[in-house]
Amino acid sequence: PPQVSFTLELEFSCSVLLDRAEVTLEATSDSTEATPEDNVVQLSVPIRYEPDLFLSSDTNLQRYELHALGTPGPEFTTTVKVQNLGCYPVQNVTLHMAL
């Protein structure tokens, strides 16, 4: 039997966040068909939103030296900022850092 393939591209609003997209597709024809009940399909797919995260850091020293005698050096501080630039909420974000 002949087949038709196509792609649906949906756009979502930042003001309305949905968990699922529900789509009903129906093929119709002017001809008489023995099994018209298989011309309809209902799809339900989960929606996952892509985050737009921005990671930045700022430090007071660009270079840090350790001396053999164990003499303490200047204080080293760094600030890391994680920003959500998108309009969708982000949950359970974990940041791993290694120095």
N, C-alpha and C. Protein backbone atom coordinates (compact mmCIF):
# COMPACT_ATOMS: atom_id res chain seq x y z
N PRO A 1 0.83 -1.20 0.00
CA PRO A 1 0.00 0.00 0.00
C PRO A 1 0.87 1.25 0.00
N PRO A 2 0.37 2.33 -0.60
CA PRO A 2 1.13 3.58 -0.61
C PRO A 2 1.28 4.15 0.80
N GLN A 3 2.40 4.80 1.02
CA GLN A 3 2.66 5.42 2.32
C GLN A 3 3.08 6.86 2.11
N VAL A 4 2.79 7.68 3.10
CA VAL A 4 3.18 9.09 3.09
C VAL A 4 3.91 9.36 4.40
N SER A 5 5.05 10.02 4.32
CA SER A 5 5.79 10.41 5.52
C SER A 5 5.90 11.92 5.56
N PHE A 6 5.81 12.48 6.74
CA PHE A 6 5.99 13.92 6.90
C PHE A 6 6.48 14.21 8.31
N THR A 7 6.94 15.42 8.50
CA THR A 7 7.47 15.85 9.79
C THR A 7 6.64 17.00 10.33
N LEU A 8 6.28 16.92 11.59
CA LEU A 8 5.58 18.02 12.25
C LEU A 8 6.59 18.81 13.08
N GLU A 9 6.60 20.10 12.93
CA GLU A 9 7.45 20.96 13.74
C GLU A 9 6.56 21.88 14.53
N LEU A 10 6.62 21.77 15.85
CA LEU A 10 5.75 22.54 16.73
C LEU A 10 6.55 23.60 17.46
N GLU A 11 5.95 24.75 17.64
CA GLU A 11 6.57 25.82 18.42
C GLU A 11 5.73 26.02 19.67
N PHE A 12 6.42 26.24 20.79
CA PHE A 12 5.73 26.38 22.06
C PHE A 12 5.96 27.76 22.64
N SER A 13 5.00 28.22 23.39
CA SER A 13 5.05 29.53 24.02
C SER A 13 5.75 29.43 25.38
N CYS A 14 6.48 30.46 25.73
CA CYS A 14 7.13 30.50 27.05
C CYS A 14 6.11 30.69 28.17
N SER A 15 4.93 31.19 27.84
CA SER A 15 3.93 31.46 28.88
C SER A 15 3.09 30.23 29.21
N VAL A 16 3.10 29.21 28.35
CA VAL A 16 2.33 27.99 28.60
C VAL A 16 3.26 26.79 28.44
N LEU A 17 3.56 26.12 29.55
CA LEU A 17 4.43 24.95 29.51
C LEU A 17 3.58 23.69 29.57
N LEU A 18 3.73 22.84 28.58
CA LEU A 18 2.94 21.61 28.48
C LEU A 18 3.82 20.40 28.78
N ASP A 19 3.20 19.35 29.30
CA ASP A 19 3.91 18.10 29.56
C ASP A 19 3.87 17.17 28.35
N ARG A 20 2.81 17.30 27.54
CA ARG A 20 2.62 16.39 26.42
C ARG A 20 2.05 17.16 25.23
N ALA A 21 2.29 16.64 24.04
CA ALA A 21 1.66 17.15 22.82
C ALA A 21 0.73 16.06 22.29
N GLU A 22 -0.50 16.43 22.03
CA GLU A 22 -1.51 15.50 21.53
C GLU A 22 -1.81 15.87 20.08
N VAL A 23 -1.68 14.89 19.18
CA VAL A 23 -1.90 15.13 17.75
C VAL A 23 -2.82 14.04 17.22
N THR A 24 -3.83 14.46 16.46
CA THR A 24 -4.72 13.51 15.77
C THR A 24 -4.55 13.70 14.27
N LEU A 25 -4.25 12.61 13.57
CA LEU A 25 -4.09 12.65 12.11
C LEU A 25 -5.17 11.78 11.48
N GLU A 26 -5.78 12.32 10.41
CA GLU A 26 -6.83 11.57 9.73
C GLU A 26 -6.64 11.72 8.22
N ALA A 27 -6.67 10.59 7.52
CA ALA A 27 -6.59 10.59 6.06
C ALA A 27 -8.00 10.39 5.51
N THR A 28 -8.41 11.26 4.59
CA THR A 28 -9.74 11.14 3.99
C THR A 28 -9.60 11.03 2.48
N SER A 29 -10.65 10.49 1.86
CA SER A 29 -10.64 10.28 0.42
C SER A 29 -12.09 10.30 -0.08
N ASP A 30 -12.26 10.64 -1.35
CA ASP A 30 -13.58 10.62 -1.96
C ASP A 30 -14.00 9.20 -2.33
N SER A 31 -13.07 8.26 -2.35
CA SER A 31 -13.39 6.89 -2.74
C SER A 31 -13.95 6.12 -1.55
N THR A 32 -14.58 5.00 -1.86
CA THR A 32 -15.13 4.13 -0.83
C THR A 32 -14.03 3.19 -0.34
N GLU A 33 -13.96 3.05 0.99
CA GLU A 33 -12.91 2.21 1.57
C GLU A 33 -13.53 1.19 2.49
N ALA A 34 -12.99 -0.03 2.47
CA ALA A 34 -13.53 -1.12 3.28
C ALA A 34 -13.23 -0.94 4.77
N THR A 35 -12.08 -0.36 5.12
CA THR A 35 -11.69 -0.21 6.53
C THR A 35 -11.31 1.25 6.83
N PRO A 36 -12.30 2.14 6.89
CA PRO A 36 -11.97 3.55 7.15
C PRO A 36 -11.50 3.81 8.58
N GLU A 37 -11.73 2.84 9.49
CA GLU A 37 -11.35 3.06 10.90
C GLU A 37 -9.83 3.13 11.09
N ASP A 38 -9.06 2.59 10.16
CA ASP A 38 -7.60 2.65 10.32
C ASP A 38 -7.00 3.90 9.66
N ASN A 39 -7.85 4.85 9.29
CA ASN A 39 -7.37 6.10 8.69
C ASN A 39 -7.14 7.20 9.72
N VAL A 40 -7.31 6.88 10.99
CA VAL A 40 -7.14 7.86 12.05
C VAL A 40 -6.11 7.33 13.04
N VAL A 41 -5.21 8.19 13.44
CA VAL A 41 -4.25 7.82 14.48
C VAL A 41 -4.14 8.99 15.45
N GLN A 42 -4.07 8.68 16.73
CA GLN A 42 -3.88 9.69 17.77
C GLN A 42 -2.52 9.47 18.42
N LEU A 43 -1.73 10.52 18.44
CA LEU A 43 -0.38 10.45 19.01
C LEU A 43 -0.31 11.31 20.27
N SER A 44 0.39 10.81 21.25
CA SER A 44 0.65 11.57 22.47
C SER A 44 2.13 11.41 22.78
N VAL A 45 2.85 12.51 22.76
CA VAL A 45 4.30 12.44 22.99
C VAL A 45 4.69 13.38 24.13
N PRO A 46 5.63 12.95 24.97
CA PRO A 46 6.09 13.84 26.04
C PRO A 46 6.92 14.99 25.47
N ILE A 47 6.85 16.12 26.14
CA ILE A 47 7.61 17.30 25.71
C ILE A 47 8.75 17.52 26.69
N ARG A 48 9.93 17.68 26.14
CA ARG A 48 11.11 18.02 26.95
C ARG A 48 11.65 19.34 26.42
N TYR A 49 11.83 20.29 27.29
CA TYR A 49 12.31 21.61 26.91
C TYR A 49 13.83 21.67 27.04
N GLU A 50 14.47 22.30 26.08
CA GLU A 50 15.92 22.42 26.09
C GLU A 50 16.32 23.66 26.88
N PRO A 51 17.18 23.50 27.89
CA PRO A 51 17.60 24.67 28.66
C PRO A 51 18.60 25.52 27.88
N ASP A 52 18.68 26.76 28.27
CA ASP A 52 19.66 27.67 27.68
C ASP A 52 20.51 28.18 28.84
N LEU A 53 21.45 27.35 29.29
CA LEU A 53 22.27 27.69 30.45
C LEU A 53 23.55 28.39 30.03
N PHE A 54 23.96 29.37 30.83
CA PHE A 54 25.19 30.11 30.58
C PHE A 54 26.05 30.02 31.84
N LEU A 55 27.27 29.54 31.69
CA LEU A 55 28.18 29.36 32.81
C LEU A 55 29.33 30.36 32.67
N SER A 56 29.55 31.15 33.72
CA SER A 56 30.65 32.12 33.69
C SER A 56 31.40 32.07 35.02
N SER A 57 32.65 32.50 34.98
CA SER A 57 33.44 32.53 36.21
C SER A 57 34.32 33.76 36.23
N ASP A 58 34.66 34.16 37.43
CA ASP A 58 35.54 35.31 37.62
C ASP A 58 36.46 34.98 38.79
N THR A 59 37.73 35.31 38.64
CA THR A 59 38.70 35.01 39.69
C THR A 59 39.57 36.22 39.95
N ASN A 60 40.13 36.31 41.17
CA ASN A 60 41.00 37.44 41.49
C ASN A 60 42.44 37.20 41.06
N LEU A 61 42.82 35.96 40.77
CA LEU A 61 44.18 35.64 40.32
C LEU A 61 44.11 34.80 39.05
N GLN A 62 44.90 35.16 38.06
CA GLN A 62 44.97 34.35 36.85
C GLN A 62 46.03 33.26 36.96
N ARG A 63 46.91 33.41 37.97
CA ARG A 63 48.00 32.45 38.17
C ARG A 63 48.25 32.33 39.67
N TYR A 64 48.48 31.10 40.13
CA TYR A 64 48.72 30.88 41.55
C TYR A 64 49.95 30.00 41.70
N GLU A 65 50.92 30.45 42.47
CA GLU A 65 52.16 29.71 42.66
C GLU A 65 52.24 29.15 44.06
N LEU A 66 52.68 27.89 44.16
CA LEU A 66 52.92 27.27 45.46
C LEU A 66 54.42 27.23 45.69
N HIS A 67 54.86 27.66 46.85
CA HIS A 67 56.28 27.69 47.17
C HIS A 67 56.67 26.45 47.99
N ALA A 68 57.90 26.01 47.82
CA ALA A 68 58.37 24.77 48.46
C ALA A 68 58.36 24.86 49.98
N LEU A 69 58.56 26.02 50.53
CA LEU A 69 58.64 26.16 51.98
C LEU A 69 57.25 26.19 52.62
N GLY A 70 56.21 26.13 51.82
CA GLY A 70 54.86 26.14 52.38
C GLY A 70 54.40 27.52 52.80
N THR A 71 55.10 28.55 52.35
CA THR A 71 54.69 29.92 52.67
C THR A 71 53.33 30.19 52.03
N PRO A 72 52.36 30.61 52.82
CA PRO A 72 51.04 30.85 52.23
C PRO A 72 51.10 31.99 51.21
N GLY A 73 50.44 31.79 50.12
CA GLY A 73 50.37 32.81 49.09
C GLY A 73 49.15 33.70 49.30
N PRO A 74 48.86 34.53 48.31
CA PRO A 74 47.69 35.41 48.44
C PRO A 74 46.40 34.59 48.41
N GLU A 75 45.36 35.17 48.96
CA GLU A 75 44.06 34.50 48.96
C GLU A 75 43.55 34.35 47.52
N PHE A 76 43.04 33.18 47.23
CA PHE A 76 42.51 32.88 45.90
C PHE A 76 41.00 32.74 46.01
N THR A 77 40.27 33.55 45.26
CA THR A 77 38.81 33.43 45.25
C THR A 77 38.33 33.35 43.79
N THR A 78 37.31 32.58 43.60
CA THR A 78 36.68 32.50 42.29
C THR A 78 35.17 32.46 42.47
N THR A 79 34.47 33.06 41.56
CA THR A 79 33.00 33.08 41.58
C THR A 79 32.50 32.42 40.31
N VAL A 80 31.62 31.46 40.47
CA VAL A 80 31.02 30.77 39.32
C VAL A 80 29.53 31.10 39.31
N LYS A 81 29.05 31.49 38.14
CA LYS A 81 27.64 31.85 38.01
C LYS A 81 26.99 30.98 36.94
N VAL A 82 25.86 30.40 37.28
CA VAL A 82 25.07 29.62 36.33
C VAL A 82 23.78 30.40 36.09
N GLN A 83 23.55 30.77 34.84
CA GLN A 83 22.36 31.55 34.50
C GLN A 83 21.49 30.77 33.52
N ASN A 84 20.20 30.84 33.73
CA ASN A 84 19.24 30.27 32.79
C ASN A 84 18.76 31.40 31.89
N LEU A 85 19.26 31.44 30.65
CA LEU A 85 18.89 32.49 29.72
C LEU A 85 17.59 32.17 28.98
N GLY A 86 17.11 30.95 29.13
CA GLY A 86 15.88 30.56 28.46
C GLY A 86 14.67 30.93 29.30
N CYS A 87 13.51 30.61 28.77
CA CYS A 87 12.27 30.94 29.49
C CYS A 87 11.66 29.73 30.17
N TYR A 88 12.33 28.58 30.13
CA TYR A 88 11.81 27.38 30.76
C TYR A 88 12.56 27.12 32.05
N PRO A 89 11.87 26.71 33.10
CA PRO A 89 12.56 26.44 34.37
C PRO A 89 13.47 25.22 34.25
N VAL A 90 14.56 25.25 34.99
CA VAL A 90 15.52 24.14 35.01
C VAL A 90 15.62 23.64 36.44
N GLN A 91 15.52 22.31 36.61
CA GLN A 91 15.58 21.73 37.94
C GLN A 91 16.72 20.74 38.02
N ASN A 92 17.17 20.49 39.24
CA ASN A 92 18.18 19.46 39.53
C ASN A 92 19.48 19.67 38.76
N VAL A 93 19.98 20.88 38.74
CA VAL A 93 21.25 21.19 38.08
C VAL A 93 22.39 20.87 39.06
N THR A 94 23.37 20.13 38.59
CA THR A 94 24.53 19.80 39.40
C THR A 94 25.78 20.34 38.72
N LEU A 95 26.61 21.04 39.46
CA LEU A 95 27.85 21.58 38.93
C LEU A 95 29.02 20.88 39.63
N HIS A 96 29.89 20.24 38.85
CA HIS A 96 31.09 19.58 39.38
C HIS A 96 32.29 20.41 38.99
N MET A 97 33.15 20.73 39.97
CA MET A 97 34.36 21.51 39.70
C MET A 97 35.55 20.77 40.28
N ALA A 98 36.67 20.86 39.59
CA ALA A 98 37.90 20.27 40.10
C ALA A 98 39.01 21.32 39.98
N LEU A 99 39.78 21.45 41.05
CA LEU A 99 40.92 22.38 41.05
C LEU A 99 42.20 21.56 41.15
